[in-house]
C-alpha atoms as a PDB file:
ATOM      1  CA  UNK A   1      87.395 107.959 107.137  1.00  0.00           C
ATOM      2  CA  UNK A   2      84.550 106.835 104.848  1.00  0.00           C
ATOM      3  CA  UNK A   3      86.002 104.748 102.012  1.00  0.00           C
ATOM      4  CA  UNK A   4      84.650 103.486  98.699  1.00  0.00           C
ATOM      5  CA  UNK A   5      81.924 101.229 100.219  1.00  0.00           C
ATOM      6  CA  UNK A   6      80.672 103.958 102.540  1.00  0.00           C
ATOM      7  CA  UNK A   7      80.457 106.644  99.846  1.00  0.00           C
ATOM      8  CA  UNK A   8      78.882 104.174  97.421  1.00  0.00           C
ATOM      9  CA  UNK A   9      76.254 103.313 100.046  1.00  0.00           C
ATOM     10  CA  UNK A  10      75.465 106.995 100.576  1.00  0.00           C
ATOM     11  CA  UNK A  11      75.259 107.564  96.820  1.00  0.00           C
ATOM     12  CA  UNK A  12      72.848 104.661  96.307  1.00  0.00           C
ATOM     13  CA  UNK A  13      70.659 105.872  99.144  1.00  0.00           C
ATOM     14  CA  UNK A  14      70.519 109.462  97.915  1.00  0.00           C
ATOM     15  CA  UNK A  15      69.813 108.304  94.350  1.00  0.00           C
ATOM     16  CA  UNK A  16      66.354 107.262  95.513  1.00  0.00           C
ATOM     17  CA  UNK A  17      65.744 110.427  97.499  1.00  0.00           C
ATOM     18  CA  UNK A  18      67.047 113.607  95.858  1.00  0.00           C
ATOM     19  CA  UNK A  19      67.020 113.135  92.056  1.00  0.00           C
ATOM     20  CA  UNK A  20      64.689 115.711  90.493  1.00  0.00           C
ATOM     21  CA  UNK A  21      64.391 117.861  93.603  1.00  0.00           C
ATOM     22  CA  UNK A  22      64.842 121.617  93.363  1.00  0.00           C
ATOM     23  CA  UNK A  23      67.436 123.350  95.524  1.00  0.00           C
ATOM     24  CA  UNK A  24      65.739 126.123  97.507  1.00  0.00           C
ATOM     25  CA  UNK A  25      68.548 127.443  99.693  1.00  0.00           C
ATOM     26  CA  UNK A  26      71.994 126.715 101.122  1.00  0.00           C
ATOM     27  CA  UNK A  27      73.184 127.775 104.565  1.00  0.00           C
ATOM     28  CA  UNK A  28      76.340 127.113 106.562  1.00  0.00           C
ATOM     29  CA  UNK A  29      77.941 127.947 109.892  1.00  0.00           C
ATOM     30  CA  UNK A  30      81.419 127.047 108.596  1.00  0.00           C
ATOM     31  CA  UNK A  31      81.874 129.033 105.339  1.00  0.00           C
ATOM     32  CA  UNK A  32      85.397 127.676 104.797  1.00  0.00           C
ATOM     33  CA  UNK A  33      83.893 124.241 104.092  1.00  0.00           C
ATOM     34  CA  UNK A  34      81.830 125.598 101.179  1.00  0.00           C
ATOM     35  CA  UNK A  35      83.914 126.340  98.083  1.00  0.00           C
ATOM     36  CA  UNK A  36      84.671 128.529  96.238  1.00  0.00           C
ATOM     37  CA  UNK A  37      82.382 130.621  98.491  1.00  0.00           C
ATOM     38  CA  UNK A  38      78.878 130.469  99.904  1.00  0.00           C
ATOM     39  CA  UNK A  39      77.855 133.428  97.723  1.00  0.00           C
ATOM     40  CA  UNK A  40      78.981 131.750  94.495  1.00  0.00           C
ATOM     41  CA  UNK A  41      77.504 128.402  95.495  1.00  0.00           C
ATOM     42  CA  UNK A  42      74.106 129.906  96.307  1.00  0.00           C
ATOM     43  CA  UNK A  43      74.061 131.947  93.089  1.00  0.00           C
ATOM     44  CA  UNK A  44      74.667 128.863  90.944  1.00  0.00           C
ATOM     45  CA  UNK A  45      72.647 126.269  92.856  1.00  0.00           C
ATOM     46  CA  UNK A  46      69.477 127.875  94.224  1.00  0.00           C
ATOM     47  CA  UNK A  47      66.578 127.267  91.835  1.00  0.00           C
ATOM     48  CA  UNK A  48      68.354 124.419  90.054  1.00  0.00           C
ATOM     49  CA  UNK A  49      67.357 120.759  90.036  1.00  0.00           C
ATOM     50  CA  UNK A  50      69.421 117.673  90.791  1.00  0.00           C
ATOM     51  CA  UNK A  51      69.899 115.506  87.681  1.00  0.00           C
ATOM     52  CA  UNK A  52      72.087 112.624  88.831  1.00  0.00           C
ATOM     53  CA  UNK A  53      74.701 111.439  91.314  1.00  0.00           C
ATOM     54  CA  UNK A  54      78.054 109.792  90.722  1.00  0.00           C
ATOM     55  CA  UNK A  55      80.961 108.631  92.823  1.00  0.00           C
ATOM     56  CA  UNK A  56      84.668 108.433  92.037  1.00  0.00           C
ATOM     57  CA  UNK A  57      87.012 107.137  94.728  1.00  0.00           C
ATOM     58  CA  UNK A  58      85.790 108.829  97.932  1.00  0.00           C
ATOM     59  CA  UNK A  59      84.309 111.823  96.102  1.00  0.00           C
ATOM     60  CA  UNK A  60      80.540 112.165  95.690  1.00  0.00           C
ATOM     61  CA  UNK A  61      79.307 114.262  92.760  1.00  0.00           C
ATOM     62  CA  UNK A  62      75.851 115.864  92.455  1.00  0.00           C
ATOM     63  CA  UNK A  63      75.088 117.026  88.908  1.00  0.00           C
ATOM     64  CA  UNK A  64      72.703 119.970  88.457  1.00  0.00           C
ATOM     65  CA  UNK A  65      70.543 120.894  85.463  1.00  0.00           C
ATOM     66  CA  UNK A  66      72.680 123.973  84.738  1.00  0.00           C
ATOM     67  CA  UNK A  67      75.832 121.901  84.192  1.00  0.00           C
ATOM     68  CA  UNK A  68      77.391 122.651  87.574  1.00  0.00           C
ATOM     69  CA  UNK A  69      78.574 119.796  89.777  1.00  0.00           C
ATOM     70  CA  UNK A  70      78.634 119.853  93.567  1.00  0.00           C
ATOM     71  CA  UNK A  71      81.461 117.623  94.797  1.00  0.00           C
ATOM     72  CA  UNK A  72      81.455 116.436  98.393  1.00  0.00           C
ATOM     73  CA  UNK A  73      84.352 114.926 100.302  1.00  0.00           C
ATOM     74  CA  UNK A  74      83.582 113.663 103.812  1.00  0.00           C
ATOM     75  CA  UNK A  75      87.248 113.334 104.838  1.00  0.00           C
ATOM     76  CA  UNK A  76      87.653 111.923 108.365  1.00  0.00           C
ATOM     77  CA  UNK A  77      84.347 112.544 110.127  1.00  0.00           C
ATOM     78  CA  UNK A  78      81.872 113.869 107.571  1.00  0.00           C
ATOM     79  CA  UNK A  79      78.263 112.740 107.192  1.00  0.00           C
ATOM     80  CA  UNK A  80      75.716 113.473 104.477  1.00  0.00           C
ATOM     81  CA  UNK A  81      72.188 113.108 105.806  1.00  0.00           C
ATOM     82  CA  UNK A  82      68.754 113.297 104.154  1.00  0.00           C
ATOM     83  CA  UNK A  83      66.276 114.780 106.619  1.00  0.00           C
ATOM     84  CA  UNK A  84      62.843 116.311 106.918  1.00  0.00           C
ATOM     85  CA  UNK A  85      63.038 120.059 107.404  1.00  0.00           C
ATOM     86  CA  UNK A  86      61.299 119.634 110.766  1.00  0.00           C
ATOM     87  CA  UNK A  87      63.846 117.109 112.102  1.00  0.00           C
ATOM     88  CA  UNK A  88      66.076 118.207 115.015  1.00  0.00           C
ATOM     89  CA  UNK A  89      69.460 119.670 114.136  1.00  0.00           C
ATOM     90  CA  UNK A  90      72.075 116.947 113.675  1.00  0.00           C
ATOM     91  CA  UNK A  91      75.236 116.740 115.739  1.00  0.00           C
ATOM     92  CA  UNK A  92      78.071 118.783 114.188  1.00  0.00           C
ATOM     93  CA  UNK A  93      75.776 120.088 111.437  1.00  0.00           C
ATOM     94  CA  UNK A  94      77.799 122.445 109.226  1.00  0.00           C
ATOM     95  CA  UNK A  95      75.787 123.071 106.049  1.00  0.00           C
ATOM     96  CA  UNK A  96      72.214 122.547 104.902  1.00  0.00           C
ATOM     97  CA  UNK A  97      70.903 122.288 101.340  1.00  0.00           C
ATOM     98  CA  UNK A  98      67.153 122.940 101.454  1.00  0.00           C
ATOM     99  CA  UNK A  99      65.235 120.869  98.905  1.00  0.00           C
ATOM    100  CA  UNK A 100      61.732 120.895  97.490  1.00  0.00           C
ATOM    101  CA  UNK A 101      59.190 118.729  99.282  1.00  0.00           C
ATOM    102  CA  UNK A 102      60.194 119.895 102.746  1.00  0.00           C
ATOM    103  CA  UNK A 103      63.474 117.961 102.714  1.00  0.00           C
ATOM    104  CA  UNK A 104      67.070 118.841 103.536  1.00  0.00           C
ATOM    105  CA  UNK A 105      70.473 117.450 102.671  1.00  0.00           C
ATOM    106  CA  UNK A 106      72.646 118.084 105.709  1.00  0.00           C
ATOM    107  CA  UNK A 107      76.425 118.036 105.855  1.00  0.00           C
ATOM    108  CA  UNK A 108      77.728 117.259 109.351  1.00  0.00           C
ATOM    109  CA  UNK A 109      81.403 117.090 110.254  1.00  0.00           C
ATOM    110  CA  UNK A 110      82.966 116.830 113.698  1.00  0.00           C
ATOM    111  CA  UNK A 111      86.507 117.782 112.706  1.00  0.00           C
ATOM    112  CA  UNK A 112      85.638 120.182 109.856  1.00  0.00           C
ATOM    113  CA  UNK A 113      88.026 118.579 107.336  1.00  0.00           C
ATOM    114  CA  UNK A 114      85.361 117.778 104.732  1.00  0.00           C
ATOM    115  CA  UNK A 115      84.016 120.152 102.104  1.00  0.00           C
ATOM    116  CA  UNK A 116      81.342 121.023  99.558  1.00  0.00           C
ATOM    117  CA  UNK A 117      82.945 122.295  96.349  1.00  0.00           C
ATOM    118  CA  UNK A 118      80.934 123.557  93.380  1.00  0.00           C
ATOM    119  CA  UNK A 119      82.633 122.766  90.069  1.00  0.00           C
ATOM    120  CA  UNK A 120      81.896 124.821  86.949  1.00  0.00           C
ATOM    121  CA  UNK A 121      81.574 121.996  84.423  1.00  0.00           C
ATOM    122  CA  UNK A 122      82.573 118.453  83.525  1.00  0.00           C
ATOM    123  CA  UNK A 123      85.883 119.584  82.031  1.00  0.00           C
ATOM    124  CA  UNK A 124      86.926 121.057  85.369  1.00  0.00           C
ATOM    125  CA  UNK A 125      85.647 117.960  87.158  1.00  0.00           C
ATOM    126  CA  UNK A 126      87.673 115.667  84.900  1.00  0.00           C
ATOM    127  CA  UNK A 127      90.866 117.507  85.878  1.00  0.00           C
ATOM    128  CA  UNK A 128      90.143 116.663  89.493  1.00  0.00           C
ATOM    129  CA  UNK A 129      89.136 113.056  88.843  1.00  0.00           C
ATOM    130  CA  UNK A 130      92.221 112.445  86.710  1.00  0.00           C
ATOM    131  CA  UNK A 131      94.309 112.755  89.860  1.00  0.00           C
ATOM    132  CA  UNK A 132      92.760 109.535  91.144  1.00  0.00           C
ATOM    133  CA  UNK A 133      93.983 106.107  90.134  1.00  0.00           C
ATOM    134  CA  UNK A 134      91.656 103.414  88.743  1.00  0.00           C
ATOM    135  CA  UNK A 135      89.037 101.821  90.996  1.00  0.00           C
ATOM    136  CA  UNK A 136      89.183  98.151  92.056  1.00  0.00           C
ATOM    137  CA  UNK A 137      85.525  97.545  91.193  1.00  0.00           C
ATOM    138  CA  UNK A 138      85.584  99.490  87.916  1.00  0.00           C
ATOM    139  CA  UNK A 139      88.674 100.123  85.803  1.00  0.00           C
ATOM    140  CA  UNK A 140      91.561  98.604  87.774  1.00  0.00           C
ATOM    141  CA  UNK A 141      93.052  95.843  85.623  1.00  0.00           C
ATOM    142  CA  UNK A 142      95.362  93.176  86.990  1.00  0.00           C
ATOM    143  CA  UNK A 143      98.006  94.192  84.472  1.00  0.00           C
ATOM    144  CA  UNK A 144      98.027  97.761  85.797  1.00  0.00           C
ATOM    145  CA  UNK A 145      97.951  96.477  89.379  1.00  0.00           C
ATOM    146  CA  UNK A 146     101.092  94.400  88.741  1.00  0.00           C
ATOM    147  CA  UNK A 147     102.885  97.414  87.287  1.00  0.00           C
ATOM    148  CA  UNK A 148     101.982  99.579  90.277  1.00  0.00           C
ATOM    149  CA  UNK A 149     103.302  96.962  92.703  1.00  0.00           C
ATOM    150  CA  UNK A 150     106.507  96.518  90.723  1.00  0.00           C
ATOM    151  CA  UNK A 151     107.160 100.267  90.586  1.00  0.00           C
ATOM    152  CA  UNK A 152     107.929 100.857  94.255  1.00  0.00           C
ATOM    153  CA  UNK A 153     109.545  99.399  97.352  1.00  0.00           C
ATOM    154  CA  UNK A 154     107.047 101.132  99.619  1.00  0.00           C
ATOM    155  CA  UNK A 155     105.150  98.909 102.073  1.00  0.00           C
ATOM    156  CA  UNK A 156     102.254  97.351 100.195  1.00  0.00           C
ATOM    157  CA  UNK A 157      99.645  98.714 102.603  1.00  0.00           C
ATOM    158  CA  UNK A 158     100.911 102.270 102.151  1.00  0.00           C
ATOM    159  CA  UNK A 159     100.741 101.799  98.377  1.00  0.00           C
ATOM    160  CA  UNK A 160      97.172 100.480  98.486  1.00  0.00           C
ATOM    161  CA  UNK A 161      96.075 103.660 100.242  1.00  0.00           C
ATOM    162  CA  UNK A 162      97.755 105.984  97.732  1.00  0.00           C
ATOM    163  CA  UNK A 163      94.713 107.428  95.937  1.00  0.00           C
ATOM    164  CA  UNK A 164      96.810 108.542  92.966  1.00  0.00           C
ATOM    165  CA  UNK A 165      97.707 104.905  92.245  1.00  0.00           C
ATOM    166  CA  UNK A 166      94.533 103.040  93.217  1.00  0.00           C
ATOM    167  CA  UNK A 167      91.438 104.901  94.376  1.00  0.00           C
ATOM    168  CA  UNK A 168      88.851 104.181  97.026  1.00  0.00           C
ATOM    169  CA  UNK A 169      90.852 101.971  99.391  1.00  0.00           C
ATOM    170  CA  UNK A 170      91.413 103.278 102.895  1.00  0.00           C
ATOM    171  CA  UNK A 171      92.690 101.843 106.147  1.00  0.00           C
ATOM    172  CA  UNK A 172      89.854  99.434 106.900  1.00  0.00           C
ATOM    173  CA  UNK A 173      89.721  97.604 103.596  1.00  0.00           C
ATOM    174  CA  UNK A 174      93.496  97.643 103.044  1.00  0.00           C
ATOM    175  CA  UNK A 175      93.984  95.807 106.335  1.00  0.00           C
ATOM    176  CA  UNK A 176      91.354  93.179 105.613  1.00  0.00           C
ATOM    177  CA  UNK A 177      92.401  92.649 101.985  1.00  0.00           C
ATOM    178  CA  UNK A 178      96.005  92.009 103.018  1.00  0.00           C
ATOM    179  CA  UNK A 179      94.818  89.497 105.597  1.00  0.00           C
ATOM    180  CA  UNK A 180      92.835  87.595 102.961  1.00  0.00           C
ATOM    181  CA  UNK A 181      95.863  87.629 100.656  1.00  0.00           C
ATOM    182  CA  UNK A 182      98.171  86.418 103.485  1.00  0.00           C
ATOM    183  CA  UNK A 183     100.514  89.353 102.946  1.00  0.00           C
ATOM    184  CA  UNK A 184     102.385  91.284 105.608  1.00  0.00           C
ATOM    185  CA  UNK A 185     101.340  94.957 105.346  1.00  0.00           C
ATOM    186  CA  UNK A 186     104.986  96.057 105.591  1.00  0.00           C
ATOM    187  CA  UNK A 187     106.199  93.880 102.708  1.00  0.00           C
ATOM    188  CA  UNK A 188     107.819  95.940  99.937  1.00  0.00           C
ATOM    189  CA  UNK A 189     105.363  96.059  97.061  1.00  0.00           C
ATOM    190  CA  UNK A 190     107.946  95.146  94.436  1.00  0.00           C
ATOM    191  CA  UNK A 191     108.785  91.903  96.270  1.00  0.00           C
ATOM    192  CA  UNK A 192     105.301  90.452  95.890  1.00  0.00           C
ATOM    193  CA  UNK A 193     105.116  87.413  93.624  1.00  0.00           C
ATOM    194  CA  UNK A 194     102.721  87.037  90.703  1.00  0.00           C
ATOM    195  CA  UNK A 195     100.583  84.549  92.645  1.00  0.00           C
ATOM    196  CA  UNK A 196     100.383  86.775  95.717  1.00  0.00           C
ATOM    197  CA  UNK A 197      99.622  89.822  93.566  1.00  0.00           C
ATOM    198  CA  UNK A 198      96.699  87.996  91.965  1.00  0.00           C
ATOM    199  CA  UNK A 199      95.436  86.915  95.378  1.00  0.00           C
ATOM    200  CA  UNK A 200      95.686  90.489  96.669  1.00  0.00           C
ATOM    201  CA  UNK A 201      93.929  91.866  93.581  1.00  0.00           C
ATOM    202  CA  UNK A 202      91.026  89.451  94.153  1.00  0.00           C
ATOM    203  CA  UNK A 203      91.008  90.078  97.919  1.00  0.00           C
ATOM    204  CA  UNK A 204      90.676  93.840  97.471  1.00  0.00           C
ATOM    205  CA  UNK A 205      87.615  93.325  95.318  1.00  0.00           C
ATOM    206  CA  UNK A 206      86.211  90.826  97.790  1.00  0.00           C
ATOM    207  CA  UNK A 207      86.435  93.083 100.846  1.00  0.00           C
ATOM    208  CA  UNK A 208      85.104  96.136  98.998  1.00  0.00           C
ATOM    209  CA  UNK A 209      82.106  94.165  97.771  1.00  0.00           C
ATOM    210  CA  UNK A 210      81.519  92.943 101.319  1.00  0.00           C
ATOM    211  CA  UNK A 211      81.743  96.523 102.558  1.00  0.00           C
ATOM    212  CA  UNK A 212      79.037  97.577 100.113  1.00  0.00           C
ATOM    213  CA  UNK A 213      76.899  94.544 100.928  1.00  0.00           C
ATOM    214  CA  UNK A 214      77.020  95.410 104.631  1.00  0.00           C
ATOM    215  CA  UNK A 215      76.377  99.103 103.883  1.00  0.00           C
ATOM    216  CA  UNK A 216      79.744 100.328 105.139  1.00  0.00           C
ATOM    217  CA  UNK A 217      81.568 100.266 108.450  1.00  0.00           C
ATOM    218  CA  UNK A 218      80.254 102.305 111.387  1.00  0.00           C
ATOM    219  CA  UNK A 219      83.045 101.657 113.868  1.00  0.00           C
ATOM    220  CA  UNK A 220      83.420 105.422 114.298  1.00  0.00           C
ATOM    221  CA  UNK A 221      81.563 108.329 112.658  1.00  0.00           C
ATOM    222  CA  UNK A 222      80.080 106.915 109.467  1.00  0.00           C
ATOM    223  CA  UNK A 223      76.294 106.856 108.959  1.00  0.00           C
ATOM    224  CA  UNK A 224      74.391 106.319 105.719  1.00  0.00           C
ATOM    225  CA  UNK A 225      72.142 108.922 104.068  1.00  0.00           C
ATOM    226  CA  UNK A 226      69.284 108.131 106.456  1.00  0.00           C
ATOM    227  CA  UNK A 227      71.468 108.294 109.536  1.00  0.00           C
ATOM    228  CA  UNK A 228      71.675 104.524 109.940  1.00  0.00           C
ATOM    229  CA  UNK A 229      74.805 102.578 110.857  1.00  0.00           C
ATOM    230  CA  UNK A 230      76.452 100.147 108.480  1.00  0.00           C
ATOM    231  CA  UNK A 231      77.324  96.610 109.551  1.00  0.00           C
ATOM    232  CA  UNK A 232      80.768  95.861 108.123  1.00  0.00           C
ATOM    233  CA  UNK A 233      82.341  96.538 111.537  1.00  0.00           C
ATOM    234  CA  UNK A 234      80.714  93.275 112.649  1.00  0.00           C
ATOM    235  CA  UNK A 235      82.713  91.471 109.951  1.00  0.00           C
ATOM    236  CA  UNK A 236      86.211  92.952 110.330  1.00  0.00           C
ATOM    237  CA  UNK A 237      88.863  90.331 109.602  1.00  0.00           C
ATOM    238  CA  UNK A 238      91.796  92.032 111.340  1.00  0.00           C
ATOM    239  CA  UNK A 239      91.012  95.755 111.442  1.00  0.00           C
ATOM    240  CA  UNK A 240      90.761  96.951 115.076  1.00  0.00           C
ATOM    241  CA  UNK A 241      91.098  93.369 116.333  1.00  0.00           C
ATOM    242  CA  UNK A 242      94.491  93.793 118.050  1.00  0.00           C
ATOM    243  CA  UNK A 243      95.001  91.210 120.779  1.00  0.00           C
ATOM    244  CA  UNK A 244      92.103  89.073 119.584  1.00  0.00           C
ATOM    245  CA  UNK A 245      92.344  85.642 117.991  1.00  0.00           C
ATOM    246  CA  UNK A 246      93.085  85.270 114.288  1.00  0.00           C
ATOM    247  CA  UNK A 247      90.197  83.625 112.479  1.00  0.00           C
ATOM    248  CA  UNK A 248      92.644  81.268 110.757  1.00  0.00           C
ATOM    249  CA  UNK A 249      95.403  80.212 113.141  1.00  0.00           C
ATOM    250  CA  UNK A 250      93.959  81.408 116.489  1.00  0.00           C
ATOM    251  CA  UNK A 251      97.126  83.422 117.109  1.00  0.00           C
ATOM    252  CA  UNK A 252      96.863  87.040 118.257  1.00  0.00           C
ATOM    253  CA  UNK A 253      96.284  89.936 115.883  1.00  0.00           C
ATOM    254  CA  UNK A 254      99.010  92.565 116.206  1.00  0.00           C
ATOM    255  CA  UNK A 255      98.850  96.335 115.772  1.00  0.00           C
ATOM    256  CA  UNK A 256     101.700  98.401 114.305  1.00  0.00           C
ATOM    257  CA  UNK A 257     101.930 101.802 112.645  1.00  0.00           C
ATOM    258  CA  UNK A 258     102.624 102.130 108.908  1.00  0.00           C
ATOM    259  CA  UNK A 259     102.504 105.411 107.052  1.00  0.00           C
ATOM    260  CA  UNK A 260     101.125 107.036 110.172  1.00  0.00           C
ATOM    261  CA  UNK A 261      98.097 104.737 110.303  1.00  0.00           C
ATOM    262  CA  UNK A 262      97.168 101.944 112.684  1.00  0.00           C
ATOM    263  CA  UNK A 263      97.795  98.646 110.918  1.00  0.00           C
ATOM    264  CA  UNK A 264      96.440  95.251 111.952  1.00  0.00           C
ATOM    265  CA  UNK A 265      97.683  91.831 110.862  1.00  0.00           C
ATOM    266  CA  UNK A 266      98.373  88.254 111.950  1.00  0.00           C
ATOM    267  CA  UNK A 267     102.142  87.646 112.280  1.00  0.00           C
ATOM    268  CA  UNK A 268     101.637  83.908 111.715  1.00  0.00           C
ATOM    269  CA  UNK A 269      99.387  84.047 108.652  1.00  0.00           C
ATOM    270  CA  UNK A 270     100.703  87.107 106.850  1.00  0.00           C
ATOM    271  CA  UNK A 271     104.212  86.696 105.478  1.00  0.00           C
END
């Protein structure tokens, strides 16, 4: 699933490509992925211009000049691609937003879990965004982070991926941040010491910044706005490295399941 670095990379790429463009048409072959309906979306978007883009957690927001906001969630396998109208159809292409200048913004999604959702106004958008916790690279303070850890005995990795507590962190960056902090992913969150909490707080920021610097991780479906792969998969610390040598102790990375997700760690280094 694309996480904070991947969506941020897409947002930065599209910022240079679609701001100011007029929306000419919207089509889809999977109407259920366009909300509240294709008819309503077309009525309120066609003929309007794109003013700005924002991102919160894993949610991309496209603001239009009529006050409406198109929110896009890529879920597990979604892609958002900027193409020339004449380009070949993309794999698993589900919806197309035709733009002025002979361009298209294409939504592709293998598993059809993602969506395009047109929001009426900022007030309605704020209700949605308020369900997300603070972001590690924006408004997540260490004081709040300590309180969140102390509030539950859930495994720390499961907590890190709870978007209502802390937003933007998914499986990839949770694994690598816990490795940097030398914390076992299964450790109860409320048993983490002050020193380890501070190390984890800093490690989360470190891996997310690295993810952005390397333009996201393309170990599976993710591509940026121009259809290019990111490079963070070449810099995984433990994620998907089961059976391979730990970069620190040379022991073997182990894979377990926590909260239904594959979890990777070094039994020697992560207490």
